[in-house]
Amino acid sequence: MDSSIVLCGHDLLWNAELKKEFTDENIFITYADSTCDAVINGSIFPFLTTGVIVCPVEDFLDFMEYEPGSMDLQAAWKMPPILAIAGSYSANDELAALRLGCFDYQLKTAPVKAVAQRIRNKLSSLAQNNIYYDMASKDIFTDGHMVNLTNRERGVLYILACNNGIPVSKDIILKEVWGNSFNGNMRVIDTIIKQLRKKLQNSNIKIITHYGRGISVEIP
């Protein structure tokens, strides 16, 4: 199945410059007025596991009905891979976009070649593994099917994914997933990590133990 890119928004010049980067590549590129159109309209974006949506971060956050300070929103559908583009940097917008499901956040002022390469990397990852992690629903999908995770596994993976590549201490994981009232053995985390590694062994999602520092996950 061919890869596809949907470009959202009305910055025609920037969209055209990005499109040039994929000239002569076997990638279908189309346009949508908004993130909502791109996600919901199956005729615009028919293959969620083989394509990427590129949209303005403000439009994506509006689509998700995001309110500053709130990170508890859940998507009502399986979110496709989305790259959020910002006109100027905002740490709050970046964190919100990543936690609500975007696989990347880039500035419009960044070199177009660099943005295009981030998209290629994601498309390559999808083509090789057909697996991606949806931060909005805290679920993993392989070949369009959800990987069966327990609530604890989903919670631990979510905390790690929010800090992609950065070690998270077991104390923080316990507090975030089990709550302050947890009185059990910290080795319960080791059990969860072992289960996650087994379920993800055929994917390119890697869980790494940093002795004395915590645990990290690498999600392309």
N, C-alpha and C. Protein backbone atom coordinates (compact mmCIF):
# COMPACT_ATOMS: atom_id res chain seq x y z
N MET A 1 0.85 -1.20 0.00
CA MET A 1 0.00 0.00 0.00
C MET A 1 0.88 1.25 0.00
N ASP A 2 0.63 2.21 -0.90
CA ASP A 2 1.44 3.41 -0.98
C ASP A 2 1.28 4.27 0.27
N SER A 3 2.35 5.01 0.59
CA SER A 3 2.29 5.95 1.70
C SER A 3 1.59 7.22 1.25
N SER A 4 1.05 7.96 2.21
CA SER A 4 0.34 9.19 1.87
C SER A 4 0.61 10.27 2.90
N ILE A 5 0.48 11.51 2.47
CA ILE A 5 0.63 12.67 3.34
C ILE A 5 -0.55 13.59 3.09
N VAL A 6 -1.18 14.05 4.15
CA VAL A 6 -2.24 15.05 4.04
C VAL A 6 -1.72 16.35 4.64
N LEU A 7 -1.72 17.42 3.84
CA LEU A 7 -1.28 18.72 4.30
C LEU A 7 -2.51 19.57 4.64
N CYS A 8 -2.56 20.04 5.88
CA CYS A 8 -3.72 20.82 6.33
C CYS A 8 -3.35 22.29 6.48
N GLY A 9 -4.35 23.13 6.47
CA GLY A 9 -4.13 24.56 6.68
C GLY A 9 -4.07 25.32 5.38
N HIS A 10 -3.86 26.63 5.49
CA HIS A 10 -3.98 27.51 4.32
C HIS A 10 -2.68 28.23 3.99
N ASP A 11 -1.56 27.77 4.53
CA ASP A 11 -0.27 28.34 4.16
C ASP A 11 0.20 27.64 2.88
N LEU A 12 -0.31 28.11 1.75
CA LEU A 12 -0.08 27.42 0.48
C LEU A 12 1.39 27.41 0.10
N LEU A 13 2.12 28.48 0.40
CA LEU A 13 3.53 28.54 0.04
C LEU A 13 4.33 27.50 0.81
N TRP A 14 4.10 27.42 2.13
CA TRP A 14 4.83 26.44 2.94
C TRP A 14 4.46 25.02 2.52
N ASN A 15 3.19 24.77 2.30
CA ASN A 15 2.75 23.44 1.85
C ASN A 15 3.41 23.06 0.52
N ALA A 16 3.51 24.04 -0.38
CA ALA A 16 4.11 23.78 -1.68
C ALA A 16 5.60 23.46 -1.53
N GLU A 17 6.28 24.18 -0.64
CA GLU A 17 7.70 23.93 -0.42
C GLU A 17 7.92 22.53 0.16
N LEU A 18 7.05 22.14 1.09
CA LEU A 18 7.18 20.81 1.67
C LEU A 18 6.89 19.74 0.62
N LYS A 19 5.88 19.97 -0.20
CA LYS A 19 5.53 19.00 -1.23
C LYS A 19 6.70 18.78 -2.19
N LYS A 20 7.46 19.84 -2.51
CA LYS A 20 8.61 19.72 -3.41
C LYS A 20 9.62 18.71 -2.91
N GLU A 21 9.73 18.57 -1.58
CA GLU A 21 10.72 17.67 -1.01
C GLU A 21 10.42 16.21 -1.33
N PHE A 22 9.19 15.93 -1.74
CA PHE A 22 8.80 14.54 -2.02
C PHE A 22 8.61 14.28 -3.52
N THR A 23 9.14 15.19 -4.35
CA THR A 23 9.05 15.01 -5.79
C THR A 23 9.73 13.70 -6.21
N ASP A 24 9.06 12.96 -7.07
CA ASP A 24 9.57 11.69 -7.60
C ASP A 24 9.59 10.55 -6.57
N GLU A 25 9.04 10.79 -5.38
CA GLU A 25 8.93 9.71 -4.39
C GLU A 25 7.52 9.11 -4.49
N ASN A 26 7.42 7.84 -4.19
CA ASN A 26 6.15 7.13 -4.33
C ASN A 26 5.26 7.41 -3.12
N ILE A 27 4.87 8.67 -3.00
CA ILE A 27 4.06 9.13 -1.87
C ILE A 27 2.91 9.96 -2.41
N PHE A 28 1.69 9.59 -2.04
CA PHE A 28 0.50 10.32 -2.47
C PHE A 28 0.28 11.50 -1.52
N ILE A 29 0.24 12.72 -2.06
CA ILE A 29 0.06 13.92 -1.24
C ILE A 29 -1.25 14.59 -1.61
N THR A 30 -2.05 14.90 -0.61
CA THR A 30 -3.31 15.58 -0.82
C THR A 30 -3.48 16.67 0.23
N TYR A 31 -4.58 17.41 0.15
CA TYR A 31 -4.79 18.56 1.02
C TYR A 31 -6.13 18.46 1.73
N ALA A 32 -6.20 19.10 2.88
CA ALA A 32 -7.45 19.20 3.64
C ALA A 32 -7.50 20.57 4.28
N ASP A 33 -8.69 21.10 4.45
CA ASP A 33 -8.83 22.42 5.05
C ASP A 33 -8.47 22.43 6.53
N SER A 34 -8.70 21.29 7.19
CA SER A 34 -8.50 21.26 8.64
C SER A 34 -8.11 19.86 9.10
N THR A 35 -7.64 19.77 10.34
CA THR A 35 -7.33 18.48 10.95
C THR A 35 -8.57 17.62 11.01
N CYS A 36 -9.70 18.26 11.34
CA CYS A 36 -10.97 17.52 11.43
C CYS A 36 -11.30 16.83 10.12
N ASP A 37 -11.18 17.57 9.01
CA ASP A 37 -11.45 16.98 7.70
C ASP A 37 -10.50 15.82 7.42
N ALA A 38 -9.23 16.01 7.73
CA ALA A 38 -8.22 14.99 7.43
C ALA A 38 -8.45 13.71 8.22
N VAL A 39 -8.83 13.85 9.49
CA VAL A 39 -8.99 12.68 10.35
C VAL A 39 -10.31 11.96 10.08
N ILE A 40 -11.39 12.72 9.97
CA ILE A 40 -12.71 12.11 9.89
C ILE A 40 -13.07 11.65 8.48
N ASN A 41 -12.71 12.43 7.48
CA ASN A 41 -13.12 12.13 6.12
C ASN A 41 -12.28 11.01 5.54
N GLY A 42 -12.84 9.82 5.49
CA GLY A 42 -12.10 8.66 5.01
C GLY A 42 -11.68 8.77 3.56
N SER A 43 -12.38 9.57 2.78
CA SER A 43 -12.00 9.72 1.38
C SER A 43 -10.75 10.56 1.23
N ILE A 44 -10.48 11.41 2.24
CA ILE A 44 -9.27 12.23 2.21
C ILE A 44 -8.10 11.45 2.78
N PHE A 45 -8.34 10.73 3.86
CA PHE A 45 -7.26 10.01 4.53
C PHE A 45 -7.70 8.58 4.79
N PRO A 46 -7.66 7.71 3.78
CA PRO A 46 -8.22 6.37 3.93
C PRO A 46 -7.36 5.36 4.67
N PHE A 47 -6.06 5.57 4.73
CA PHE A 47 -5.19 4.54 5.27
C PHE A 47 -4.42 5.06 6.49
N LEU A 48 -5.00 4.88 7.67
CA LEU A 48 -4.43 5.47 8.87
C LEU A 48 -3.05 4.93 9.20
N THR A 49 -2.76 3.71 8.81
CA THR A 49 -1.48 3.12 9.21
C THR A 49 -0.40 3.30 8.17
N THR A 50 -0.67 3.97 7.06
CA THR A 50 0.36 4.15 6.04
C THR A 50 0.53 5.61 5.65
N GLY A 51 0.04 6.52 6.45
CA GLY A 51 0.14 7.93 6.10
C GLY A 51 0.32 8.83 7.29
N VAL A 52 0.57 10.10 6.98
CA VAL A 52 0.84 11.10 8.01
C VAL A 52 0.03 12.35 7.69
N ILE A 53 -0.50 12.98 8.73
CA ILE A 53 -1.17 14.27 8.60
C ILE A 53 -0.23 15.35 9.11
N VAL A 54 -0.09 16.43 8.35
CA VAL A 54 0.71 17.58 8.77
C VAL A 54 -0.24 18.76 8.94
N CYS A 55 -0.32 19.30 10.15
CA CYS A 55 -1.32 20.35 10.40
C CYS A 55 -0.81 21.40 11.37
N PRO A 56 -1.37 22.60 11.36
CA PRO A 56 -1.01 23.63 12.34
C PRO A 56 -1.36 23.16 13.75
N VAL A 57 -0.47 23.41 14.69
CA VAL A 57 -0.70 22.93 16.05
C VAL A 57 -1.97 23.54 16.64
N GLU A 58 -2.25 24.81 16.32
CA GLU A 58 -3.46 25.44 16.86
C GLU A 58 -4.72 24.74 16.36
N ASP A 59 -4.70 24.36 15.10
CA ASP A 59 -5.86 23.67 14.51
C ASP A 59 -6.04 22.30 15.16
N PHE A 60 -4.93 21.61 15.39
CA PHE A 60 -5.02 20.30 16.03
C PHE A 60 -5.56 20.42 17.45
N LEU A 61 -5.06 21.39 18.22
CA LEU A 61 -5.52 21.55 19.60
C LEU A 61 -7.00 21.95 19.64
N ASP A 62 -7.42 22.77 18.70
CA ASP A 62 -8.85 23.12 18.62
C ASP A 62 -9.68 21.88 18.30
N PHE A 63 -9.17 21.07 17.38
CA PHE A 63 -9.86 19.84 16.99
C PHE A 63 -10.03 18.91 18.19
N MET A 64 -9.01 18.88 19.05
CA MET A 64 -9.06 18.03 20.24
C MET A 64 -9.79 18.70 21.41
N GLU A 65 -10.28 19.94 21.16
CA GLU A 65 -10.99 20.70 22.20
C GLU A 65 -10.12 20.85 23.44
N TYR A 66 -8.86 21.10 23.18
CA TYR A 66 -7.89 21.24 24.28
C TYR A 66 -8.09 22.56 25.01
N GLU A 67 -8.03 22.50 26.33
CA GLU A 67 -8.06 23.68 27.17
C GLU A 67 -6.77 23.72 27.97
N PRO A 68 -6.09 24.88 28.01
CA PRO A 68 -4.82 24.98 28.74
C PRO A 68 -4.93 24.43 30.16
N GLY A 69 -3.96 23.59 30.53
CA GLY A 69 -3.96 23.00 31.87
C GLY A 69 -4.61 21.64 31.94
N SER A 70 -5.31 21.24 30.87
CA SER A 70 -6.00 19.95 30.88
C SER A 70 -5.27 18.96 29.98
N MET A 71 -4.96 17.77 30.52
CA MET A 71 -4.30 16.72 29.75
C MET A 71 -5.10 15.42 29.80
N ASP A 72 -6.37 15.50 30.12
CA ASP A 72 -7.17 14.30 30.36
C ASP A 72 -8.06 13.93 29.18
N LEU A 73 -7.91 14.61 28.05
CA LEU A 73 -8.78 14.34 26.92
C LEU A 73 -8.47 12.98 26.31
N GLN A 74 -9.50 12.33 25.82
CA GLN A 74 -9.36 11.05 25.14
C GLN A 74 -9.95 11.18 23.74
N ALA A 75 -9.23 10.71 22.73
CA ALA A 75 -9.76 10.74 21.37
C ALA A 75 -10.91 9.75 21.24
N ALA A 76 -11.92 10.11 20.46
CA ALA A 76 -13.08 9.23 20.27
C ALA A 76 -12.84 8.23 19.15
N TRP A 77 -11.71 8.29 18.47
CA TRP A 77 -11.39 7.39 17.39
C TRP A 77 -9.89 7.13 17.39
N LYS A 78 -9.48 6.19 16.58
CA LYS A 78 -8.05 5.91 16.47
C LYS A 78 -7.37 7.05 15.73
N MET A 79 -6.43 7.72 16.38
CA MET A 79 -5.77 8.85 15.76
C MET A 79 -4.69 8.38 14.80
N PRO A 80 -4.64 8.95 13.60
CA PRO A 80 -3.55 8.66 12.68
C PRO A 80 -2.28 9.40 13.13
N PRO A 81 -1.14 9.08 12.56
CA PRO A 81 0.09 9.82 12.91
C PRO A 81 -0.02 11.27 12.46
N ILE A 82 0.18 12.20 13.39
CA ILE A 82 0.04 13.62 13.11
C ILE A 82 1.31 14.37 13.49
N LEU A 83 1.79 15.21 12.57
CA LEU A 83 2.91 16.11 12.85
C LEU A 83 2.35 17.51 12.97
N ALA A 84 2.55 18.13 14.14
CA ALA A 84 2.03 19.47 14.38
C ALA A 84 3.07 20.51 14.00
N ILE A 85 2.64 21.53 13.26
CA ILE A 85 3.53 22.60 12.82
C ILE A 85 3.15 23.89 13.54
N ALA A 86 4.15 24.58 14.08
CA ALA A 86 3.89 25.82 14.82
C ALA A 86 4.60 26.99 14.17
N GLY A 87 3.93 28.16 14.15
CA GLY A 87 4.54 29.36 13.62
C GLY A 87 5.61 29.90 14.55
N SER A 88 5.39 29.76 15.84
CA SER A 88 6.38 30.17 16.85
C SER A 88 6.34 29.16 17.99
N TYR A 89 7.43 29.05 18.72
CA TYR A 89 7.53 27.99 19.72
C TYR A 89 6.73 28.30 20.97
N SER A 90 6.02 27.27 21.45
CA SER A 90 5.30 27.34 22.72
C SER A 90 5.50 26.00 23.43
N ALA A 91 6.14 26.03 24.59
CA ALA A 91 6.37 24.80 25.33
C ALA A 91 5.06 24.13 25.72
N ASN A 92 4.05 24.94 26.08
CA ASN A 92 2.76 24.38 26.47
C ASN A 92 2.07 23.69 25.29
N ASP A 93 2.13 24.35 24.12
CA ASP A 93 1.51 23.75 22.93
C ASP A 93 2.24 22.46 22.53
N GLU A 94 3.56 22.47 22.64
CA GLU A 94 4.33 21.27 22.28
C GLU A 94 3.95 20.10 23.17
N LEU A 95 3.93 20.34 24.49
CA LEU A 95 3.59 19.28 25.43
C LEU A 95 2.17 18.78 25.19
N ALA A 96 1.24 19.71 25.00
CA ALA A 96 -0.16 19.33 24.78
C ALA A 96 -0.30 18.51 23.50
N ALA A 97 0.35 18.94 22.42
CA ALA A 97 0.24 18.24 21.15
C ALA A 97 0.79 16.82 21.26
N LEU A 98 1.93 16.67 21.91
CA LEU A 98 2.54 15.35 22.03
C LEU A 98 1.69 14.44 22.92
N ARG A 99 1.16 14.98 23.99
CA ARG A 99 0.35 14.16 24.89
C ARG A 99 -1.01 13.81 24.30
N LEU A 100 -1.47 14.63 23.38
CA LEU A 100 -2.78 14.38 22.78
C LEU A 100 -2.70 13.56 21.50
N GLY A 101 -1.50 13.12 21.15
CA GLY A 101 -1.42 12.16 20.06
C GLY A 101 -0.48 12.46 18.91
N CYS A 102 0.08 13.67 18.82
CA CYS A 102 1.01 13.97 17.73
C CYS A 102 2.31 13.19 17.93
N PHE A 103 2.88 12.70 16.82
CA PHE A 103 4.15 11.99 16.94
C PHE A 103 5.33 12.96 16.90
N ASP A 104 5.07 14.22 16.49
CA ASP A 104 6.16 15.19 16.42
C ASP A 104 5.58 16.60 16.44
N TYR A 105 6.45 17.56 16.81
CA TYR A 105 6.10 18.98 16.85
C TYR A 105 7.29 19.72 16.25
N GLN A 106 7.04 20.47 15.18
CA GLN A 106 8.11 21.17 14.48
C GLN A 106 7.72 22.62 14.24
N LEU A 107 8.73 23.48 14.15
CA LEU A 107 8.49 24.88 13.83
C LEU A 107 8.45 25.08 12.32
N LYS A 108 7.59 25.98 11.88
CA LYS A 108 7.50 26.29 10.46
C LYS A 108 8.78 26.93 9.96
N THR A 109 9.53 27.55 10.89
CA THR A 109 10.80 28.18 10.52
C THR A 109 11.95 27.17 10.42
N ALA A 110 11.70 25.93 10.78
CA ALA A 110 12.74 24.90 10.66
C ALA A 110 12.99 24.62 9.18
N PRO A 111 14.19 24.14 8.83
CA PRO A 111 14.46 23.80 7.43
C PRO A 111 13.43 22.80 6.91
N VAL A 112 12.85 23.09 5.75
CA VAL A 112 11.83 22.21 5.19
C VAL A 112 12.38 20.80 4.97
N LYS A 113 13.65 20.71 4.61
CA LYS A 113 14.26 19.40 4.40
C LYS A 113 14.24 18.58 5.69
N ALA A 114 14.46 19.25 6.83
CA ALA A 114 14.45 18.55 8.12
C ALA A 114 13.06 18.05 8.46
N VAL A 115 12.04 18.89 8.20
CA VAL A 115 10.66 18.47 8.46
C VAL A 115 10.29 17.30 7.56
N ALA A 116 10.69 17.38 6.29
CA ALA A 116 10.40 16.29 5.35
C ALA A 116 11.05 14.99 5.81
N GLN A 117 12.26 15.08 6.35
CA GLN A 117 12.94 13.86 6.79
C GLN A 117 12.25 13.25 7.99
N ARG A 118 11.70 14.09 8.88
CA ARG A 118 10.94 13.56 10.01
C ARG A 118 9.72 12.78 9.51
N ILE A 119 9.09 13.30 8.46
CA ILE A 119 7.93 12.61 7.88
C ILE A 119 8.37 11.30 7.23
N ARG A 120 9.49 11.32 6.49
CA ARG A 120 10.00 10.09 5.88
C ARG A 120 10.29 9.03 6.93
N ASN A 121 10.90 9.46 8.04
CA ASN A 121 11.22 8.52 9.11
C ASN A 121 9.96 7.84 9.64
N LYS A 122 8.89 8.63 9.79
CA LYS A 122 7.64 8.08 10.31
C LYS A 122 7.02 7.14 9.29
N LEU A 123 7.01 7.53 8.02
CA LEU A 123 6.45 6.67 6.99
C LEU A 123 7.24 5.37 6.87
N SER A 124 8.55 5.47 7.01
CA SER A 124 9.38 4.27 6.95
C SER A 124 9.07 3.35 8.11
N SER A 125 8.89 3.94 9.30
CA SER A 125 8.55 3.15 10.48
C SER A 125 7.22 2.44 10.30
N LEU A 126 6.24 3.15 9.74
CA LEU A 126 4.93 2.55 9.51
C LEU A 126 5.00 1.43 8.50
N ALA A 127 5.80 1.64 7.43
CA ALA A 127 5.90 0.64 6.39
C ALA A 127 6.60 -0.62 6.88
N GLN A 128 7.61 -0.45 7.74
CA GLN A 128 8.38 -1.59 8.22
C GLN A 128 7.64 -2.38 9.28
N ASN A 129 6.93 -1.68 10.12
CA ASN A 129 6.31 -2.36 11.26
C ASN A 129 4.79 -2.26 11.28
N ASN A 130 4.27 -1.26 10.56
CA ASN A 130 2.83 -1.03 10.59
C ASN A 130 2.32 -0.96 12.03
N ILE A 131 3.11 -0.31 12.87
CA ILE A 131 2.75 -0.20 14.28
C ILE A 131 2.98 1.24 14.74
N TYR A 132 2.05 1.76 15.49
CA TYR A 132 2.29 3.08 16.07
C TYR A 132 1.56 3.19 17.41
N TYR A 133 2.03 4.12 18.21
CA TYR A 133 1.46 4.35 19.54
C TYR A 133 0.60 5.61 19.51
N ASP A 134 -0.63 5.46 19.94
CA ASP A 134 -1.59 6.55 19.97
C ASP A 134 -1.64 7.12 21.39
N MET A 135 -1.02 8.27 21.60
CA MET A 135 -0.98 8.84 22.94
C MET A 135 -2.34 9.32 23.41
N ALA A 136 -3.22 9.65 22.45
CA ALA A 136 -4.54 10.13 22.84
C ALA A 136 -5.34 9.03 23.54
N SER A 137 -5.25 7.81 23.03
CA SER A 137 -6.01 6.70 23.62
C SER A 137 -5.15 5.77 24.47
N LYS A 138 -3.82 6.03 24.46
CA LYS A 138 -2.86 5.21 25.21
C LYS A 138 -2.83 3.77 24.70
N ASP A 139 -3.08 3.59 23.42
CA ASP A 139 -3.11 2.25 22.83
C ASP A 139 -2.05 2.11 21.74
N ILE A 140 -1.69 0.87 21.46
CA ILE A 140 -0.76 0.53 20.39
C ILE A 140 -1.53 -0.22 19.31
N PHE A 141 -1.25 0.11 18.04
CA PHE A 141 -1.91 -0.54 16.94
C PHE A 141 -0.89 -1.19 16.02
N THR A 142 -1.15 -2.43 15.64
CA THR A 142 -0.31 -3.16 14.69
C THR A 142 -1.19 -3.64 13.56
N ASP A 143 -0.82 -3.26 12.32
CA ASP A 143 -1.62 -3.64 11.15
C ASP A 143 -3.10 -3.26 11.33
N GLY A 144 -3.33 -2.13 11.99
CA GLY A 144 -4.69 -1.65 12.17
C GLY A 144 -5.43 -2.28 13.34
N HIS A 145 -4.77 -3.20 14.06
CA HIS A 145 -5.41 -3.88 15.18
C HIS A 145 -4.76 -3.44 16.50
N MET A 146 -5.59 -3.29 17.50
CA MET A 146 -5.09 -2.85 18.79
C MET A 146 -4.33 -3.98 19.50
N VAL A 147 -3.17 -3.65 20.04
CA VAL A 147 -2.42 -4.60 20.86
C VAL A 147 -3.09 -4.66 22.23
N ASN A 148 -3.35 -5.86 22.71
CA ASN A 148 -4.06 -6.03 23.97
C ASN A 148 -3.15 -5.72 25.15
N LEU A 149 -3.40 -4.59 25.81
CA LEU A 149 -2.64 -4.19 26.98
C LEU A 149 -3.56 -4.09 28.19
N THR A 150 -3.02 -4.42 29.36
CA THR A 150 -3.79 -4.21 30.59
C THR A 150 -3.78 -2.73 30.93
N ASN A 151 -4.64 -2.32 31.85
CA ASN A 151 -4.69 -0.91 32.24
C ASN A 151 -3.36 -0.45 32.82
N ARG A 152 -2.71 -1.31 33.61
CA ARG A 152 -1.41 -0.95 34.19
C ARG A 152 -0.35 -0.82 33.10
N GLU A 153 -0.37 -1.73 32.13
CA GLU A 153 0.60 -1.66 31.03
C GLU A 153 0.40 -0.37 30.23
N ARG A 154 -0.86 -0.04 29.99
CA ARG A 154 -1.16 1.19 29.25
C ARG A 154 -0.70 2.41 30.03
N GLY A 155 -0.91 2.39 31.34
CA GLY A 155 -0.51 3.52 32.17
C GLY A 155 0.99 3.72 32.20
N VAL A 156 1.73 2.62 32.36
CA VAL A 156 3.19 2.71 32.42
C VAL A 156 3.74 3.17 31.08
N LEU A 157 3.24 2.60 29.98
CA LEU A 157 3.73 2.97 28.66
C LEU A 157 3.43 4.44 28.36
N TYR A 158 2.28 4.92 28.82
CA TYR A 158 1.92 6.31 28.59
C TYR A 158 2.89 7.26 29.28
N ILE A 159 3.22 6.98 30.54
CA ILE A 159 4.16 7.83 31.28
C ILE A 159 5.51 7.84 30.58
N LEU A 160 5.96 6.67 30.12
CA LEU A 160 7.23 6.60 29.41
C LEU A 160 7.17 7.34 28.08
N ALA A 161 6.05 7.20 27.36
CA ALA A 161 5.90 7.84 26.06
C ALA A 161 5.87 9.36 26.17
N CYS A 162 5.30 9.86 27.25
CA CYS A 162 5.26 11.31 27.47
C CYS A 162 6.66 11.88 27.67
N ASN A 163 7.60 11.01 28.01
CA ASN A 163 8.99 11.42 28.22
C ASN A 163 9.90 10.66 27.26
N ASN A 164 9.45 10.51 26.03
CA ASN A 164 10.11 9.70 25.01
C ASN A 164 11.63 9.91 25.00
N GLY A 165 12.38 8.83 25.30
CA GLY A 165 13.83 8.88 25.28
C GLY A 165 14.46 9.31 26.57
N ILE A 166 13.66 9.79 27.53
CA ILE A 166 14.19 10.28 28.80
C ILE A 166 13.83 9.30 29.91
N PRO A 167 14.83 8.85 30.70
CA PRO A 167 14.54 7.89 31.78
C PRO A 167 13.57 8.47 32.81
N VAL A 168 12.63 7.64 33.23
CA VAL A 168 11.66 8.02 34.27
C VAL A 168 11.88 7.10 35.46
N SER A 169 12.02 7.67 36.64
CA SER A 169 12.29 6.85 37.83
C SER A 169 11.09 5.99 38.19
N LYS A 170 11.35 4.87 38.86
CA LYS A 170 10.27 3.99 39.27
C LYS A 170 9.35 4.67 40.28
N ASP A 171 9.90 5.55 41.09
CA ASP A 171 9.07 6.29 42.04
C ASP A 171 8.00 7.11 41.32
N ILE A 172 8.40 7.78 40.25
CA ILE A 172 7.46 8.60 39.50
C ILE A 172 6.42 7.72 38.82
N ILE A 173 6.87 6.60 38.24
CA ILE A 173 5.94 5.68 37.58
C ILE A 173 4.90 5.17 38.58
N LEU A 174 5.36 4.78 39.76
CA LEU A 174 4.43 4.29 40.79
C LEU A 174 3.41 5.36 41.16
N LYS A 175 3.89 6.58 41.36
CA LYS A 175 3.00 7.66 41.77
C LYS A 175 1.97 7.97 40.69
N GLU A 176 2.42 8.00 39.43
CA GLU A 176 1.52 8.38 38.34
C GLU A 176 0.53 7.27 37.98
N VAL A 177 0.96 6.02 38.07
CA VAL A 177 0.10 4.91 37.62
C VAL A 177 -0.68 4.28 38.77
N TRP A 178 -0.03 4.07 39.91
CA TRP A 178 -0.69 3.40 41.04
C TRP A 178 -1.25 4.39 42.07
N GLY A 179 -0.71 5.62 42.10
CA GLY A 179 -1.20 6.61 43.05
C GLY A 179 -0.39 6.62 44.33
N ASN A 180 -0.63 7.63 45.13
CA ASN A 180 0.13 7.80 46.38
C ASN A 180 -0.17 6.73 47.42
N SER A 181 -1.26 6.02 47.26
CA SER A 181 -1.67 5.03 48.27
C SER A 181 -1.01 3.68 48.08
N PHE A 182 -0.18 3.52 47.04
CA PHE A 182 0.43 2.21 46.76
C PHE A 182 1.38 1.81 47.88
N ASN A 183 1.20 0.59 48.40
CA ASN A 183 2.04 0.09 49.50
C ASN A 183 2.73 -1.23 49.14
N GLY A 184 2.68 -1.60 47.87
CA GLY A 184 3.24 -2.89 47.47
C GLY A 184 4.72 -2.84 47.16
N ASN A 185 5.20 -3.89 46.51
CA ASN A 185 6.61 -4.02 46.16
C ASN A 185 6.87 -3.31 44.83
N MET A 186 7.95 -2.52 44.79
CA MET A 186 8.29 -1.78 43.59
C MET A 186 8.62 -2.70 42.41
N ARG A 187 8.88 -3.97 42.69
CA ARG A 187 9.19 -4.91 41.62
C ARG A 187 8.00 -5.16 40.69
N VAL A 188 6.82 -4.67 41.10
CA VAL A 188 5.66 -4.80 40.22
C VAL A 188 5.91 -4.08 38.90
N ILE A 189 6.71 -3.02 38.94
CA ILE A 189 7.05 -2.30 37.71
C ILE A 189 7.89 -3.18 36.80
N ASP A 190 8.83 -3.93 37.38
CA ASP A 190 9.67 -4.82 36.58
C ASP A 190 8.80 -5.85 35.84
N THR A 191 7.76 -6.32 36.52
CA THR A 191 6.86 -7.29 35.91
C THR A 191 6.12 -6.67 34.72
N ILE A 192 5.63 -5.44 34.91
CA ILE A 192 4.92 -4.74 33.84
C ILE A 192 5.85 -4.51 32.65
N ILE A 193 7.08 -4.09 32.92
CA ILE A 193 8.05 -3.83 31.85
C ILE A 193 8.35 -5.11 31.09
N LYS A 194 8.48 -6.21 31.80
CA LYS A 194 8.73 -7.51 31.14
C LYS A 194 7.57 -7.87 30.22
N GLN A 195 6.35 -7.64 30.68
CA GLN A 195 5.17 -7.95 29.87
C GLN A 195 5.11 -7.05 28.62
N LEU A 196 5.42 -5.77 28.80
CA LEU A 196 5.41 -4.85 27.66
C LEU A 196 6.46 -5.23 26.62
N ARG A 197 7.64 -5.58 27.08
CA ARG A 197 8.70 -5.96 26.14
C ARG A 197 8.29 -7.19 25.33
N LYS A 198 7.63 -8.12 25.97
CA LYS A 198 7.19 -9.32 25.27
C LYS A 198 6.17 -8.97 24.19
N LYS A 199 5.23 -8.09 24.53
CA LYS A 199 4.18 -7.73 23.58
C LYS A 199 4.70 -6.85 22.44
N LEU A 200 5.83 -6.16 22.68
CA LEU A 200 6.37 -5.24 21.69
C LEU A 200 7.63 -5.77 21.03
N GLN A 201 7.94 -7.04 21.23
CA GLN A 201 9.21 -7.59 20.76
C GLN A 201 9.36 -7.54 19.25
N ASN A 202 8.27 -7.54 18.52
CA ASN A 202 8.36 -7.51 17.06
C ASN A 202 8.18 -6.10 16.49
N SER A 203 8.21 -5.10 17.35
CA SER A 203 8.04 -3.73 16.89
C SER A 203 9.36 -2.97 17.03
N ASN A 204 9.35 -1.71 16.58
CA ASN A 204 10.54 -0.87 16.74
C ASN A 204 10.41 0.05 17.96
N ILE A 205 9.50 -0.27 18.85
CA ILE A 205 9.37 0.44 20.13
C ILE A 205 10.24 -0.27 21.16
N LYS A 206 11.21 0.44 21.69
CA LYS A 206 12.17 -0.16 22.60
C LYS A 206 12.03 0.41 24.01
N ILE A 207 12.03 -0.49 24.99
CA ILE A 207 11.99 -0.08 26.40
C ILE A 207 13.37 -0.39 27.01
N ILE A 208 13.99 0.63 27.57
CA ILE A 208 15.37 0.52 28.05
C ILE A 208 15.43 0.78 29.54
N THR A 209 16.13 -0.08 30.26
CA THR A 209 16.35 0.11 31.70
C THR A 209 17.69 0.80 31.92
N HIS A 210 17.65 1.94 32.61
CA HIS A 210 18.86 2.68 32.95
C HIS A 210 19.10 2.48 34.45
N TYR A 211 20.01 1.59 34.78
CA TYR A 211 20.20 1.22 36.18
C TYR A 211 20.58 2.44 37.03
N GLY A 212 19.82 2.63 38.09
CA GLY A 212 20.03 3.75 38.99
C GLY A 212 19.33 5.03 38.55
N ARG A 213 18.77 5.03 37.34
CA ARG A 213 18.14 6.25 36.82
C ARG A 213 16.67 6.07 36.50
N GLY A 214 16.29 4.89 36.04
CA GLY A 214 14.89 4.67 35.72
C GLY A 214 14.74 3.90 34.41
N ILE A 215 13.62 4.12 33.74
CA ILE A 215 13.27 3.39 32.53
C ILE A 215 12.85 4.40 31.46
N SER A 216 13.25 4.12 30.21
CA SER A 216 12.86 5.00 29.11
C SER A 216 12.28 4.15 27.99
N VAL A 217 11.57 4.81 27.10
CA VAL A 217 11.04 4.16 25.90
C VAL A 217 11.46 4.97 24.70
N GLU A 218 11.77 4.29 23.61
CA GLU A 218 12.11 4.96 22.36
C GLU A 218 11.04 4.61 21.33
N ILE A 219 10.24 5.62 20.99
CA ILE A 219 9.16 5.47 20.02
C ILE A 219 9.48 6.35 18.82
N PRO A 220 9.77 5.78 17.65
CA PRO A 220 10.13 6.58 16.47
C PRO A 220 9.02 7.56 16.11
